[in-house]
C-alpha atoms as a PDB file:
ATOM      1  CA  UNK A   1       0.000   0.000   0.000  1.00  0.00           C
ATOM      2  CA  UNK A   2       1.301   3.491  -0.866  1.00  0.00           C
ATOM      3  CA  UNK A   3       2.170   5.754   2.006  1.00  0.00           C
ATOM      4  CA  UNK A   4       0.154   8.891   2.605  1.00  0.00           C
ATOM      5  CA  UNK A   5       1.707  12.178   1.504  1.00  0.00           C
ATOM      6  CA  UNK A   6       1.342  15.477   3.345  1.00  0.00           C
ATOM      7  CA  UNK A   7       0.773  18.768   1.515  1.00  0.00           C
ATOM      8  CA  UNK A   8       3.547  20.275   3.630  1.00  0.00           C
ATOM      9  CA  UNK A   9       5.904  17.695   2.128  1.00  0.00           C
ATOM     10  CA  UNK A  10       4.595  17.347  -1.447  1.00  0.00           C
ATOM     11  CA  UNK A  11       5.836  14.595  -3.763  1.00  0.00           C
ATOM     12  CA  UNK A  12       8.627  15.335  -6.188  1.00  0.00           C
ATOM     13  CA  UNK A  13       6.968  13.309  -8.925  1.00  0.00           C
ATOM     14  CA  UNK A  14       4.720  15.001 -11.447  1.00  0.00           C
ATOM     15  CA  UNK A  15       0.986  15.071 -10.845  1.00  0.00           C
ATOM     16  CA  UNK A  16       0.405  12.389 -13.446  1.00  0.00           C
ATOM     17  CA  UNK A  17       2.514   9.928 -11.448  1.00  0.00           C
ATOM     18  CA  UNK A  18       0.993  10.554  -8.044  1.00  0.00           C
ATOM     19  CA  UNK A  19      -1.079   7.652  -6.747  1.00  0.00           C
ATOM     20  CA  UNK A  20      -0.776   7.843  -2.933  1.00  0.00           C
ATOM     21  CA  UNK A  21      -3.387   9.923  -1.057  1.00  0.00           C
ATOM     22  CA  UNK A  22      -2.223  13.482  -0.367  1.00  0.00           C
ATOM     23  CA  UNK A  23      -3.369  15.629   2.571  1.00  0.00           C
ATOM     24  CA  UNK A  24      -4.057  18.815   0.604  1.00  0.00           C
ATOM     25  CA  UNK A  25      -6.381  21.073   2.616  1.00  0.00           C
ATOM     26  CA  UNK A  26      -5.943  21.657   6.337  1.00  0.00           C
ATOM     27  CA  UNK A  27      -8.909  22.120   8.672  1.00  0.00           C
ATOM     28  CA  UNK A  28      -8.949  25.975   8.578  1.00  0.00           C
ATOM     29  CA  UNK A  29      -9.258  25.909   4.775  1.00  0.00           C
ATOM     30  CA  UNK A  30     -12.093  23.405   4.863  1.00  0.00           C
ATOM     31  CA  UNK A  31     -13.941  25.371   7.549  1.00  0.00           C
ATOM     32  CA  UNK A  32     -13.470  28.570   5.523  1.00  0.00           C
ATOM     33  CA  UNK A  33     -14.900  26.886   2.422  1.00  0.00           C
ATOM     34  CA  UNK A  34     -18.135  25.795   4.072  1.00  0.00           C
ATOM     35  CA  UNK A  35     -18.516  29.010   6.076  1.00  0.00           C
ATOM     36  CA  UNK A  36     -18.205  30.911   2.801  1.00  0.00           C
ATOM     37  CA  UNK A  37     -20.809  28.664   1.166  1.00  0.00           C
ATOM     38  CA  UNK A  38     -23.395  29.278   3.888  1.00  0.00           C
ATOM     39  CA  UNK A  39     -22.554  32.983   4.126  1.00  0.00           C
ATOM     40  CA  UNK A  40     -23.001  33.559   0.385  1.00  0.00           C
ATOM     41  CA  UNK A  41     -26.262  31.588   0.416  1.00  0.00           C
ATOM     42  CA  UNK A  42     -27.584  33.671   3.336  1.00  0.00           C
ATOM     43  CA  UNK A  43     -26.415  36.930   1.760  1.00  0.00           C
ATOM     44  CA  UNK A  44     -28.034  36.049  -1.572  1.00  0.00           C
ATOM     45  CA  UNK A  45     -31.434  35.230  -0.077  1.00  0.00           C
ATOM     46  CA  UNK A  46     -31.551  38.191   2.286  1.00  0.00           C
ATOM     47  CA  UNK A  47     -30.076  40.538  -0.330  1.00  0.00           C
ATOM     48  CA  UNK A  48     -32.782  39.602  -2.823  1.00  0.00           C
ATOM     49  CA  UNK A  49     -35.476  40.201  -0.187  1.00  0.00           C
ATOM     50  CA  UNK A  50     -33.977  43.581   0.707  1.00  0.00           C
ATOM     51  CA  UNK A  51     -33.816  44.665  -2.936  1.00  0.00           C
ATOM     52  CA  UNK A  52     -37.244  43.327  -3.914  1.00  0.00           C
ATOM     53  CA  UNK A  53     -39.508  42.467  -0.943  1.00  0.00           C
ATOM     54  CA  UNK A  54     -42.276  40.050  -2.008  1.00  0.00           C
ATOM     55  CA  UNK A  55     -44.841  41.545   0.354  1.00  0.00           C
ATOM     56  CA  UNK A  56     -46.483  44.916  -0.486  1.00  0.00           C
ATOM     57  CA  UNK A  57     -47.961  45.531   2.977  1.00  0.00           C
ATOM     58  CA  UNK A  58     -47.448  44.025   6.423  1.00  0.00           C
ATOM     59  CA  UNK A  59     -50.554  44.020   8.583  1.00  0.00           C
ATOM     60  CA  UNK A  60     -50.348  44.557  12.332  1.00  0.00           C
ATOM     61  CA  UNK A  61     -48.901  46.926  14.885  1.00  0.00           C
ATOM     62  CA  UNK A  62     -45.535  48.436  13.828  1.00  0.00           C
ATOM     63  CA  UNK A  63     -44.135  47.719  17.288  1.00  0.00           C
ATOM     64  CA  UNK A  64     -44.669  44.000  16.664  1.00  0.00           C
ATOM     65  CA  UNK A  65     -43.262  43.956  13.141  1.00  0.00           C
ATOM     66  CA  UNK A  66     -39.548  44.030  12.461  1.00  0.00           C
ATOM     67  CA  UNK A  67     -39.349  41.569   9.581  1.00  0.00           C
ATOM     68  CA  UNK A  68     -37.296  43.725   7.241  1.00  0.00           C
ATOM     69  CA  UNK A  69     -35.108  44.773  10.139  1.00  0.00           C
ATOM     70  CA  UNK A  70     -34.435  41.120  10.990  1.00  0.00           C
ATOM     71  CA  UNK A  71     -33.589  40.401   7.353  1.00  0.00           C
ATOM     72  CA  UNK A  72     -31.175  43.330   7.215  1.00  0.00           C
ATOM     73  CA  UNK A  73     -29.505  42.302  10.493  1.00  0.00           C
ATOM     74  CA  UNK A  74     -29.112  38.749   9.174  1.00  0.00           C
ATOM     75  CA  UNK A  75     -27.603  40.163   5.981  1.00  0.00           C
ATOM     76  CA  UNK A  76     -25.138  42.312   7.933  1.00  0.00           C
ATOM     77  CA  UNK A  77     -24.083  39.438  10.207  1.00  0.00           C
ATOM     78  CA  UNK A  78     -23.532  37.115   7.244  1.00  0.00           C
ATOM     79  CA  UNK A  79     -21.452  39.855   5.588  1.00  0.00           C
ATOM     80  CA  UNK A  80     -19.300  40.233   8.700  1.00  0.00           C
ATOM     81  CA  UNK A  81     -18.764  36.456   8.861  1.00  0.00           C
ATOM     82  CA  UNK A  82     -17.803  36.376   5.177  1.00  0.00           C
ATOM     83  CA  UNK A  83     -15.285  39.203   5.653  1.00  0.00           C
ATOM     84  CA  UNK A  84     -13.658  37.610   8.709  1.00  0.00           C
ATOM     85  CA  UNK A  85     -13.512  34.227   6.963  1.00  0.00           C
ATOM     86  CA  UNK A  86     -11.761  35.797   3.975  1.00  0.00           C
ATOM     87  CA  UNK A  87      -9.177  37.462   6.224  1.00  0.00           C
ATOM     88  CA  UNK A  88      -8.471  34.116   7.911  1.00  0.00           C
ATOM     89  CA  UNK A  89      -8.188  32.453   4.508  1.00  0.00           C
ATOM     90  CA  UNK A  90      -5.732  35.101   3.278  1.00  0.00           C
ATOM     91  CA  UNK A  91      -3.633  34.538   6.395  1.00  0.00           C
ATOM     92  CA  UNK A  92      -3.660  30.782   5.818  1.00  0.00           C
ATOM     93  CA  UNK A  93      -2.567  31.320   2.223  1.00  0.00           C
ATOM     94  CA  UNK A  94       0.662  32.702   3.703  1.00  0.00           C
ATOM     95  CA  UNK A  95       1.285  30.079   6.384  1.00  0.00           C
ATOM     96  CA  UNK A  96      -0.295  27.091   4.607  1.00  0.00           C
ATOM     97  CA  UNK A  97       0.979  24.821   1.863  1.00  0.00           C
ATOM     98  CA  UNK A  98       1.519  25.881  -1.729  1.00  0.00           C
ATOM     99  CA  UNK A  99      -1.696  24.138  -2.724  1.00  0.00           C
ATOM    100  CA  UNK A 100      -3.578  26.348  -0.275  1.00  0.00           C
ATOM    101  CA  UNK A 101      -2.295  29.568  -1.816  1.00  0.00           C
ATOM    102  CA  UNK A 102      -2.890  28.642  -5.458  1.00  0.00           C
ATOM    103  CA  UNK A 103      -6.190  30.514  -5.708  1.00  0.00           C
ATOM    104  CA  UNK A 104      -4.518  33.752  -4.615  1.00  0.00           C
ATOM    105  CA  UNK A 105      -1.286  33.393  -6.591  1.00  0.00           C
ATOM    106  CA  UNK A 106      -1.707  31.297  -9.760  1.00  0.00           C
ATOM    107  CA  UNK A 107       1.720  30.413 -11.157  1.00  0.00           C
ATOM    108  CA  UNK A 108       1.175  32.286 -14.430  1.00  0.00           C
ATOM    109  CA  UNK A 109       4.937  32.833 -14.781  1.00  0.00           C
ATOM    110  CA  UNK A 110       5.515  29.119 -15.446  1.00  0.00           C
ATOM    111  CA  UNK A 111       5.296  27.602 -18.909  1.00  0.00           C
ATOM    112  CA  UNK A 112       4.039  24.339 -17.411  1.00  0.00           C
ATOM    113  CA  UNK A 113       1.131  26.234 -15.865  1.00  0.00           C
ATOM    114  CA  UNK A 114       0.015  27.531 -19.277  1.00  0.00           C
ATOM    115  CA  UNK A 115       0.378  24.109 -20.850  1.00  0.00           C
ATOM    116  CA  UNK A 116      -1.748  22.711 -18.053  1.00  0.00           C
ATOM    117  CA  UNK A 117      -4.321  25.461 -18.611  1.00  0.00           C
ATOM    118  CA  UNK A 118      -4.744  24.676 -22.306  1.00  0.00           C
ATOM    119  CA  UNK A 119      -4.940  20.959 -21.555  1.00  0.00           C
ATOM    120  CA  UNK A 120      -7.576  21.594 -18.893  1.00  0.00           C
ATOM    121  CA  UNK A 121      -9.648  23.720 -21.288  1.00  0.00           C
ATOM    122  CA  UNK A 122      -9.511  20.920 -23.844  1.00  0.00           C
ATOM    123  CA  UNK A 123     -10.547  18.486 -21.099  1.00  0.00           C
ATOM    124  CA  UNK A 124     -13.603  20.543 -20.190  1.00  0.00           C
ATOM    125  CA  UNK A 125     -14.583  20.739 -23.872  1.00  0.00           C
ATOM    126  CA  UNK A 126     -14.338  16.927 -24.112  1.00  0.00           C
ATOM    127  CA  UNK A 127     -11.322  17.150 -26.442  1.00  0.00           C
ATOM    128  CA  UNK A 128      -9.091  15.200 -24.037  1.00  0.00           C
ATOM    129  CA  UNK A 129      -9.873  11.687 -22.849  1.00  0.00           C
ATOM    130  CA  UNK A 130      -8.350  12.249 -19.414  1.00  0.00           C
ATOM    131  CA  UNK A 131      -6.913  15.052 -17.339  1.00  0.00           C
ATOM    132  CA  UNK A 132      -3.753  15.296 -15.232  1.00  0.00           C
ATOM    133  CA  UNK A 133      -3.920  14.072 -11.647  1.00  0.00           C
ATOM    134  CA  UNK A 134      -3.947  17.424  -9.887  1.00  0.00           C
ATOM    135  CA  UNK A 135      -2.957  17.612  -6.247  1.00  0.00           C
ATOM    136  CA  UNK A 136      -4.397  21.089  -5.778  1.00  0.00           C
ATOM    137  CA  UNK A 137      -6.559  23.093  -8.185  1.00  0.00           C
ATOM    138  CA  UNK A 138      -5.967  22.770 -11.896  1.00  0.00           C
ATOM    139  CA  UNK A 139      -4.924  25.995 -13.710  1.00  0.00           C
ATOM    140  CA  UNK A 140      -8.445  26.819 -14.901  1.00  0.00           C
ATOM    141  CA  UNK A 141      -9.812  26.356 -11.390  1.00  0.00           C
ATOM    142  CA  UNK A 142      -7.072  28.632 -10.063  1.00  0.00           C
ATOM    143  CA  UNK A 143      -8.125  31.406 -12.461  1.00  0.00           C
ATOM    144  CA  UNK A 144     -11.806  30.910 -11.641  1.00  0.00           C
ATOM    145  CA  UNK A 145     -11.242  30.964  -7.878  1.00  0.00           C
ATOM    146  CA  UNK A 146      -8.930  33.970  -8.170  1.00  0.00           C
ATOM    147  CA  UNK A 147     -11.632  35.838 -10.085  1.00  0.00           C
ATOM    148  CA  UNK A 148     -14.187  34.692  -7.525  1.00  0.00           C
ATOM    149  CA  UNK A 149     -12.375  36.232  -4.574  1.00  0.00           C
ATOM    150  CA  UNK A 150     -10.973  39.339  -6.257  1.00  0.00           C
ATOM    151  CA  UNK A 151     -13.901  40.281  -8.509  1.00  0.00           C
ATOM    152  CA  UNK A 152     -16.605  38.606  -6.476  1.00  0.00           C
ATOM    153  CA  UNK A 153     -16.332  38.174  -2.728  1.00  0.00           C
ATOM    154  CA  UNK A 154     -13.892  41.032  -2.103  1.00  0.00           C
ATOM    155  CA  UNK A 155     -15.950  43.367  -4.314  1.00  0.00           C
ATOM    156  CA  UNK A 156     -19.127  42.464  -2.434  1.00  0.00           C
ATOM    157  CA  UNK A 157     -17.471  42.952   0.948  1.00  0.00           C
ATOM    158  CA  UNK A 158     -16.115  46.404   0.088  1.00  0.00           C
ATOM    159  CA  UNK A 159     -19.321  47.661  -1.554  1.00  0.00           C
ATOM    160  CA  UNK A 160     -21.444  46.069   1.169  1.00  0.00           C
ATOM    161  CA  UNK A 161     -19.574  47.828   3.971  1.00  0.00           C
ATOM    162  CA  UNK A 162     -19.818  51.080   1.994  1.00  0.00           C
ATOM    163  CA  UNK A 163     -23.599  50.720   1.802  1.00  0.00           C
ATOM    164  CA  UNK A 164     -23.698  49.792   5.486  1.00  0.00           C
ATOM    165  CA  UNK A 165     -21.735  52.942   6.304  1.00  0.00           C
ATOM    166  CA  UNK A 166     -24.394  55.062   4.610  1.00  0.00           C
ATOM    167  CA  UNK A 167     -26.851  53.862   7.231  1.00  0.00           C
ATOM    168  CA  UNK A 168     -24.567  54.201  10.234  1.00  0.00           C
ATOM    169  CA  UNK A 169     -23.623  57.732   9.219  1.00  0.00           C
ATOM    170  CA  UNK A 170     -20.581  59.978   9.211  1.00  0.00           C
ATOM    171  CA  UNK A 171     -17.965  59.240  11.852  1.00  0.00           C
ATOM    172  CA  UNK A 172     -18.561  55.485  12.096  1.00  0.00           C
ATOM    173  CA  UNK A 173     -15.844  52.997  11.144  1.00  0.00           C
ATOM    174  CA  UNK A 174     -17.763  51.754   8.109  1.00  0.00           C
ATOM    175  CA  UNK A 175     -18.260  55.275   6.791  1.00  0.00           C
ATOM    176  CA  UNK A 176     -14.646  56.293   7.330  1.00  0.00           C
ATOM    177  CA  UNK A 177     -13.070  53.116   5.931  1.00  0.00           C
ATOM    178  CA  UNK A 178     -15.427  52.415   3.039  1.00  0.00           C
ATOM    179  CA  UNK A 179     -18.299  54.826   2.377  1.00  0.00           C
ATOM    180  CA  UNK A 180     -16.121  57.937   2.269  1.00  0.00           C
ATOM    181  CA  UNK A 181     -14.298  56.784  -0.866  1.00  0.00           C
ATOM    182  CA  UNK A 182     -16.347  53.954  -2.384  1.00  0.00           C
ATOM    183  CA  UNK A 183     -19.547  55.958  -2.924  1.00  0.00           C
ATOM    184  CA  UNK A 184     -17.762  58.854  -4.722  1.00  0.00           C
ATOM    185  CA  UNK A 185     -15.913  56.268  -6.812  1.00  0.00           C
ATOM    186  CA  UNK A 186     -19.204  54.903  -8.154  1.00  0.00           C
ATOM    187  CA  UNK A 187     -20.970  58.281  -8.300  1.00  0.00           C
ATOM    188  CA  UNK A 188     -23.740  57.867  -5.721  1.00  0.00           C
ATOM    189  CA  UNK A 189     -25.297  55.353  -3.364  1.00  0.00           C
ATOM    190  CA  UNK A 190     -27.952  54.150  -5.813  1.00  0.00           C
ATOM    191  CA  UNK A 191     -25.395  53.265  -8.479  1.00  0.00           C
ATOM    192  CA  UNK A 192     -23.305  51.521  -5.832  1.00  0.00           C
ATOM    193  CA  UNK A 193     -26.359  49.558  -4.722  1.00  0.00           C
ATOM    194  CA  UNK A 194     -26.968  48.438  -8.309  1.00  0.00           C
ATOM    195  CA  UNK A 195     -23.379  47.219  -8.687  1.00  0.00           C
ATOM    196  CA  UNK A 196     -23.586  45.440  -5.331  1.00  0.00           C
ATOM    197  CA  UNK A 197     -26.774  43.714  -6.493  1.00  0.00           C
ATOM    198  CA  UNK A 198     -25.131  42.679  -9.775  1.00  0.00           C
ATOM    199  CA  UNK A 199     -22.215  41.296  -7.777  1.00  0.00           C
ATOM    200  CA  UNK A 200     -24.669  39.067  -5.945  1.00  0.00           C
ATOM    201  CA  UNK A 201     -25.802  37.558  -9.251  1.00  0.00           C
ATOM    202  CA  UNK A 202     -22.182  37.104 -10.264  1.00  0.00           C
ATOM    203  CA  UNK A 203     -21.595  34.999  -7.140  1.00  0.00           C
ATOM    204  CA  UNK A 204     -24.784  33.007  -7.730  1.00  0.00           C
ATOM    205  CA  UNK A 205     -23.875  32.169 -11.336  1.00  0.00           C
ATOM    206  CA  UNK A 206     -20.309  31.319 -10.347  1.00  0.00           C
ATOM    207  CA  UNK A 207     -21.543  29.030  -7.563  1.00  0.00           C
ATOM    208  CA  UNK A 208     -23.830  27.173  -9.973  1.00  0.00           C
ATOM    209  CA  UNK A 209     -20.994  26.624 -12.459  1.00  0.00           C
ATOM    210  CA  UNK A 210     -18.630  25.684  -9.630  1.00  0.00           C
ATOM    211  CA  UNK A 211     -20.992  23.001  -8.323  1.00  0.00           C
ATOM    212  CA  UNK A 212     -21.472  21.563 -11.813  1.00  0.00           C
ATOM    213  CA  UNK A 213     -17.744  21.487 -12.565  1.00  0.00           C
ATOM    214  CA  UNK A 214     -16.986  19.921  -9.190  1.00  0.00           C
ATOM    215  CA  UNK A 215     -19.499  17.120  -9.696  1.00  0.00           C
ATOM    216  CA  UNK A 216     -18.276  16.587 -13.265  1.00  0.00           C
ATOM    217  CA  UNK A 217     -14.665  16.422 -12.110  1.00  0.00           C
ATOM    218  CA  UNK A 218     -15.504  14.023  -9.298  1.00  0.00           C
ATOM    219  CA  UNK A 219     -17.159  11.646 -11.786  1.00  0.00           C
ATOM    220  CA  UNK A 220     -14.861  11.918 -14.795  1.00  0.00           C
ATOM    221  CA  UNK A 221     -11.446  12.807 -13.384  1.00  0.00           C
ATOM    222  CA  UNK A 222      -9.015  10.359 -11.837  1.00  0.00           C
ATOM    223  CA  UNK A 223      -8.994  11.889  -8.369  1.00  0.00           C
ATOM    224  CA  UNK A 224     -11.413  12.875  -5.592  1.00  0.00           C
ATOM    225  CA  UNK A 225     -12.829  16.409  -5.516  1.00  0.00           C
ATOM    226  CA  UNK A 226     -15.906  16.866  -3.327  1.00  0.00           C
ATOM    227  CA  UNK A 227     -14.774  14.530  -0.567  1.00  0.00           C
ATOM    228  CA  UNK A 228     -11.414  16.321  -0.449  1.00  0.00           C
ATOM    229  CA  UNK A 229     -13.047  19.493   0.857  1.00  0.00           C
ATOM    230  CA  UNK A 230     -14.579  17.397   3.654  1.00  0.00           C
ATOM    231  CA  UNK A 231     -11.681  15.178   4.689  1.00  0.00           C
ATOM    232  CA  UNK A 232      -8.745  17.192   3.326  1.00  0.00           C
ATOM    233  CA  UNK A 233      -7.334  14.135   1.521  1.00  0.00           C
ATOM    234  CA  UNK A 234      -6.950  13.851  -2.245  1.00  0.00           C
ATOM    235  CA  UNK A 235      -7.375  10.252  -3.418  1.00  0.00           C
ATOM    236  CA  UNK A 236      -6.220   9.095  -6.843  1.00  0.00           C
ATOM    237  CA  UNK A 237      -7.667   6.369  -8.998  1.00  0.00           C
ATOM    238  CA  UNK A 238      -5.104   3.693  -9.801  1.00  0.00           C
ATOM    239  CA  UNK A 239      -4.718   2.339 -13.332  1.00  0.00           C
ATOM    240  CA  UNK A 240      -5.532  -1.095 -11.920  1.00  0.00           C
ATOM    241  CA  UNK A 241      -9.015   0.157 -11.086  1.00  0.00           C
ATOM    242  CA  UNK A 242      -9.637   0.676 -14.800  1.00  0.00           C
ATOM    243  CA  UNK A 243      -8.593  -2.897 -15.532  1.00  0.00           C
ATOM    244  CA  UNK A 244     -10.946  -4.238 -12.855  1.00  0.00           C
ATOM    245  CA  UNK A 245     -13.806  -2.162 -14.277  1.00  0.00           C
ATOM    246  CA  UNK A 246     -13.040  -3.307 -17.808  1.00  0.00           C
ATOM    247  CA  UNK A 247     -12.198   0.209 -19.054  1.00  0.00           C
END
């Protein structure tokens, strides 16, 4: 039986030759992933309700009704959790393994990275029969995740805190750190709100594609994907498995 390999001591062999399980993602990364999933889901639902409430009128005493207030508070809390989780993830990208910093620093300066990117694109377009056995993210996934957290999550956090600062008013931390420069950058609060709302749809569409690609990779590729973000271990399918299955 092959010995297990730690991400802190990665194998010297190329990805295509790796067959032993590799411990790729440490516990903080896995916690961050699922916290981000639930935070984005909560932010999307509450954000849609804030932008377009489905109820025209709420009947009853105002003192007993705080539905929209509860939705806004939930939205703000989920935004705070998302921001803190991203800060922790950025810290872990520095102290963690090289596989855990790939989504922040894709190795675009390497020729092998570009060759892997083109091969991965061909794989997703069904022009390649099999893909390389990646230990971390493949090059296309690295680009997608980089765009997710630079153009998506980080954009939503900054614009969200800027909108929050409009409500808390001048002199508060949110106004000083975000609203004071983000709102003038976009022109006014309404335009900023529109861009923030569009950013929400960007995250939703990305999440849908991400789930599809993950399931596809888990079925068709020669290594584990979904279970890796639960256990942290990347398992590889041995060539002998193909022979047993008659492939």
